[in-house]
């Protein structure tokens, strides 16, 4: 039973992305509950929106890619359908970028620079952890 469940997650990218998204959202909610357990009115909703928008971009694009491959398999290669699906992908990317930029502007205007540096930690940590720094 367990092997069938895991193999289904590996075979279907949209299922994997949705499970990953639900895991990360539940971790975000539990982290917010832990941080703001006594002062719920201090929750920064712009930060939550920014985090959810960053996490949602992968499942949204994966769902559109799965829809595109599913529709293109059964219908041949219609150019109108292909252009419509490309337009939908562009609209999802533009909407996600707009939400991220809007919430980032709100965060910048309401938060100190020192606290904003914590948002850039994954961007700094990831390249340094994968790079060979020649220290050996």
C-alpha atoms as a PDB file:
ATOM      1  CA  UNK A   1       0.000   0.000   0.000  1.00  0.00           C
ATOM      2  CA  UNK A   2       2.740   2.404   0.939  1.00  0.00           C
ATOM      3  CA  UNK A   3       4.761   1.772  -2.242  1.00  0.00           C
ATOM      4  CA  UNK A   4       1.699   2.379  -4.437  1.00  0.00           C
ATOM      5  CA  UNK A   5       0.987   5.672  -2.686  1.00  0.00           C
ATOM      6  CA  UNK A   6       4.570   6.888  -3.027  1.00  0.00           C
ATOM      7  CA  UNK A   7       4.821   5.850  -6.667  1.00  0.00           C
ATOM      8  CA  UNK A   8       1.645   7.788  -7.447  1.00  0.00           C
ATOM      9  CA  UNK A   9       3.213  10.894  -5.937  1.00  0.00           C
ATOM     10  CA  UNK A  10       6.274  10.477  -8.113  1.00  0.00           C
ATOM     11  CA  UNK A  11       4.316   9.779 -11.310  1.00  0.00           C
ATOM     12  CA  UNK A  12       2.000  12.771 -11.054  1.00  0.00           C
ATOM     13  CA  UNK A  13       3.748  16.146 -10.771  1.00  0.00           C
ATOM     14  CA  UNK A  14       0.557  18.018  -9.877  1.00  0.00           C
ATOM     15  CA  UNK A  15      -0.160  15.696  -6.958  1.00  0.00           C
ATOM     16  CA  UNK A  16       3.403  16.115  -5.727  1.00  0.00           C
ATOM     17  CA  UNK A  17       3.169  19.915  -6.006  1.00  0.00           C
ATOM     18  CA  UNK A  18      -0.172  19.990  -4.182  1.00  0.00           C
ATOM     19  CA  UNK A  19       1.145  17.800  -1.365  1.00  0.00           C
ATOM     20  CA  UNK A  20       4.255  19.960  -1.091  1.00  0.00           C
ATOM     21  CA  UNK A  21       2.125  23.129  -1.083  1.00  0.00           C
ATOM     22  CA  UNK A  22      -0.204  21.759   1.600  1.00  0.00           C
ATOM     23  CA  UNK A  23       2.780  20.700   3.712  1.00  0.00           C
ATOM     24  CA  UNK A  24       4.389  24.135   3.447  1.00  0.00           C
ATOM     25  CA  UNK A  25       1.122  25.982   4.146  1.00  0.00           C
ATOM     26  CA  UNK A  26       0.486  23.852   7.222  1.00  0.00           C
ATOM     27  CA  UNK A  27       4.041  24.584   8.410  1.00  0.00           C
ATOM     28  CA  UNK A  28       3.404  28.297   7.814  1.00  0.00           C
ATOM     29  CA  UNK A  29       0.162  28.180   9.801  1.00  0.00           C
ATOM     30  CA  UNK A  30       1.755  26.275  12.674  1.00  0.00           C
ATOM     31  CA  UNK A  31       4.677  28.680  12.724  1.00  0.00           C
ATOM     32  CA  UNK A  32       2.293  31.655  12.861  1.00  0.00           C
ATOM     33  CA  UNK A  33       0.301  30.004  15.658  1.00  0.00           C
ATOM     34  CA  UNK A  34       3.514  29.412  17.579  1.00  0.00           C
ATOM     35  CA  UNK A  35       4.782  32.968  17.095  1.00  0.00           C
ATOM     36  CA  UNK A  36       1.498  34.809  17.637  1.00  0.00           C
ATOM     37  CA  UNK A  37      -0.182  32.525  20.190  1.00  0.00           C
ATOM     38  CA  UNK A  38      -0.682  35.334  22.682  1.00  0.00           C
ATOM     39  CA  UNK A  39      -0.977  38.333  20.357  1.00  0.00           C
ATOM     40  CA  UNK A  40      -3.058  37.258  17.359  1.00  0.00           C
ATOM     41  CA  UNK A  41      -3.675  40.859  16.356  1.00  0.00           C
ATOM     42  CA  UNK A  42       0.033  41.291  15.509  1.00  0.00           C
ATOM     43  CA  UNK A  43      -0.047  38.924  12.509  1.00  0.00           C
ATOM     44  CA  UNK A  44       1.407  40.623   9.455  1.00  0.00           C
ATOM     45  CA  UNK A  45      -1.038  39.676   6.724  1.00  0.00           C
ATOM     46  CA  UNK A  46       1.171  41.146   4.006  1.00  0.00           C
ATOM     47  CA  UNK A  47       3.933  38.751   5.014  1.00  0.00           C
ATOM     48  CA  UNK A  48       1.509  35.829   4.978  1.00  0.00           C
ATOM     49  CA  UNK A  49       0.234  36.894   1.538  1.00  0.00           C
ATOM     50  CA  UNK A  50       3.798  37.261   0.266  1.00  0.00           C
ATOM     51  CA  UNK A  51       4.732  33.795   1.527  1.00  0.00           C
ATOM     52  CA  UNK A  52       1.604  32.129   0.128  1.00  0.00           C
ATOM     53  CA  UNK A  53       2.113  33.824  -3.256  1.00  0.00           C
ATOM     54  CA  UNK A  54       5.709  32.630  -3.415  1.00  0.00           C
ATOM     55  CA  UNK A  55       4.642  29.096  -2.475  1.00  0.00           C
ATOM     56  CA  UNK A  56       1.667  29.045  -4.870  1.00  0.00           C
ATOM     57  CA  UNK A  57       3.564  29.838  -8.052  1.00  0.00           C
ATOM     58  CA  UNK A  58       4.888  26.295  -8.546  1.00  0.00           C
ATOM     59  CA  UNK A  59       1.570  24.426  -8.151  1.00  0.00           C
ATOM     60  CA  UNK A  60      -0.225  26.971 -10.340  1.00  0.00           C
ATOM     61  CA  UNK A  61       2.269  26.648 -13.182  1.00  0.00           C
ATOM     62  CA  UNK A  62       2.372  22.877 -12.810  1.00  0.00           C
ATOM     63  CA  UNK A  63      -1.428  22.704 -13.029  1.00  0.00           C
ATOM     64  CA  UNK A  64      -1.399  24.810 -16.181  1.00  0.00           C
ATOM     65  CA  UNK A  65       1.315  22.638 -17.723  1.00  0.00           C
ATOM     66  CA  UNK A  66      -0.672  19.499 -16.916  1.00  0.00           C
ATOM     67  CA  UNK A  67      -3.800  21.061 -18.431  1.00  0.00           C
ATOM     68  CA  UNK A  68      -1.875  22.007 -21.535  1.00  0.00           C
ATOM     69  CA  UNK A  69      -0.445  18.530 -22.043  1.00  0.00           C
ATOM     70  CA  UNK A  70      -3.830  16.924 -21.385  1.00  0.00           C
ATOM     71  CA  UNK A  71      -5.668  19.144 -23.856  1.00  0.00           C
ATOM     72  CA  UNK A  72      -2.990  18.973 -26.533  1.00  0.00           C
ATOM     73  CA  UNK A  73      -2.897  15.160 -26.486  1.00  0.00           C
ATOM     74  CA  UNK A  74      -6.553  14.713 -27.362  1.00  0.00           C
ATOM     75  CA  UNK A  75      -7.028  17.497 -29.883  1.00  0.00           C
ATOM     76  CA  UNK A  76      -3.997  17.431 -32.072  1.00  0.00           C
ATOM     77  CA  UNK A  77      -2.104  20.652 -32.387  1.00  0.00           C
ATOM     78  CA  UNK A  78      -4.591  23.458 -32.680  1.00  0.00           C
ATOM     79  CA  UNK A  79      -2.872  26.809 -32.685  1.00  0.00           C
ATOM     80  CA  UNK A  80      -5.799  28.674 -31.105  1.00  0.00           C
ATOM     81  CA  UNK A  81      -5.897  26.342 -28.128  1.00  0.00           C
ATOM     82  CA  UNK A  82      -2.138  26.521 -27.746  1.00  0.00           C
ATOM     83  CA  UNK A  83      -2.197  30.329 -27.799  1.00  0.00           C
ATOM     84  CA  UNK A  84      -5.054  30.384 -25.266  1.00  0.00           C
ATOM     85  CA  UNK A  85      -3.108  28.140 -22.896  1.00  0.00           C
ATOM     86  CA  UNK A  86       0.046  30.223 -23.320  1.00  0.00           C
ATOM     87  CA  UNK A  87      -2.001  33.340 -22.513  1.00  0.00           C
ATOM     88  CA  UNK A  88      -3.341  31.673 -19.361  1.00  0.00           C
ATOM     89  CA  UNK A  89       0.201  30.816 -18.271  1.00  0.00           C
ATOM     90  CA  UNK A  90       1.320  34.381 -18.829  1.00  0.00           C
ATOM     91  CA  UNK A  91      -1.688  35.702 -16.896  1.00  0.00           C
ATOM     92  CA  UNK A  92      -0.954  33.409 -13.941  1.00  0.00           C
ATOM     93  CA  UNK A  93       2.691  34.468 -13.891  1.00  0.00           C
ATOM     94  CA  UNK A  94       1.797  38.171 -14.158  1.00  0.00           C
ATOM     95  CA  UNK A  95      -0.847  37.885 -11.412  1.00  0.00           C
ATOM     96  CA  UNK A  96       1.598  36.069  -9.131  1.00  0.00           C
ATOM     97  CA  UNK A  97       4.328  38.638  -9.747  1.00  0.00           C
ATOM     98  CA  UNK A  98       1.885  41.488  -9.115  1.00  0.00           C
ATOM     99  CA  UNK A  99       0.760  39.987  -5.806  1.00  0.00           C
ATOM    100  CA  UNK A 100       4.364  39.395  -4.752  1.00  0.00           C
ATOM    101  CA  UNK A 101       5.416  42.925  -5.717  1.00  0.00           C
ATOM    102  CA  UNK A 102       2.368  44.520  -4.048  1.00  0.00           C
ATOM    103  CA  UNK A 103       2.888  42.637  -0.801  1.00  0.00           C
ATOM    104  CA  UNK A 104       6.651  43.309  -0.940  1.00  0.00           C
ATOM    105  CA  UNK A 105       5.977  47.052  -1.282  1.00  0.00           C
ATOM    106  CA  UNK A 106       3.640  46.883   1.724  1.00  0.00           C
ATOM    107  CA  UNK A 107       6.265  44.945   3.675  1.00  0.00           C
ATOM    108  CA  UNK A 108       8.996  47.419   2.807  1.00  0.00           C
ATOM    109  CA  UNK A 109       6.879  50.355   3.897  1.00  0.00           C
ATOM    110  CA  UNK A 110       5.818  48.751   7.208  1.00  0.00           C
ATOM    111  CA  UNK A 111       8.872  46.723   8.261  1.00  0.00           C
ATOM    112  CA  UNK A 112      12.440  47.569   9.175  1.00  0.00           C
ATOM    113  CA  UNK A 113      15.292  46.689   6.851  1.00  0.00           C
ATOM    114  CA  UNK A 114      16.797  44.307   9.389  1.00  0.00           C
ATOM    115  CA  UNK A 115      13.594  42.242   9.568  1.00  0.00           C
ATOM    116  CA  UNK A 116      13.325  42.173   5.764  1.00  0.00           C
ATOM    117  CA  UNK A 117      16.768  40.609   5.525  1.00  0.00           C
ATOM    118  CA  UNK A 118      15.295  37.403   6.968  1.00  0.00           C
ATOM    119  CA  UNK A 119      13.228  37.019   3.785  1.00  0.00           C
ATOM    120  CA  UNK A 120      16.406  36.933   1.704  1.00  0.00           C
ATOM    121  CA  UNK A 121      18.125  34.277   3.810  1.00  0.00           C
ATOM    122  CA  UNK A 122      17.040  31.370   1.547  1.00  0.00           C
ATOM    123  CA  UNK A 123      18.432  33.219  -1.482  1.00  0.00           C
ATOM    124  CA  UNK A 124      21.805  33.676   0.193  1.00  0.00           C
ATOM    125  CA  UNK A 125      21.982  30.287   1.884  1.00  0.00           C
ATOM    126  CA  UNK A 126      21.139  28.124  -1.139  1.00  0.00           C
ATOM    127  CA  UNK A 127      23.934  29.231  -3.525  1.00  0.00           C
ATOM    128  CA  UNK A 128      26.516  29.161  -0.743  1.00  0.00           C
ATOM    129  CA  UNK A 129      25.525  25.689   0.381  1.00  0.00           C
ATOM    130  CA  UNK A 130      25.870  24.326  -3.172  1.00  0.00           C
ATOM    131  CA  UNK A 131      29.063  26.132  -4.081  1.00  0.00           C
ATOM    132  CA  UNK A 132      32.473  24.656  -3.667  1.00  0.00           C
ATOM    133  CA  UNK A 133      34.282  27.364  -1.762  1.00  0.00           C
ATOM    134  CA  UNK A 134      37.694  25.753  -2.002  1.00  0.00           C
ATOM    135  CA  UNK A 135      38.102  25.470   1.754  1.00  0.00           C
ATOM    136  CA  UNK A 136      39.176  21.830   1.663  1.00  0.00           C
END
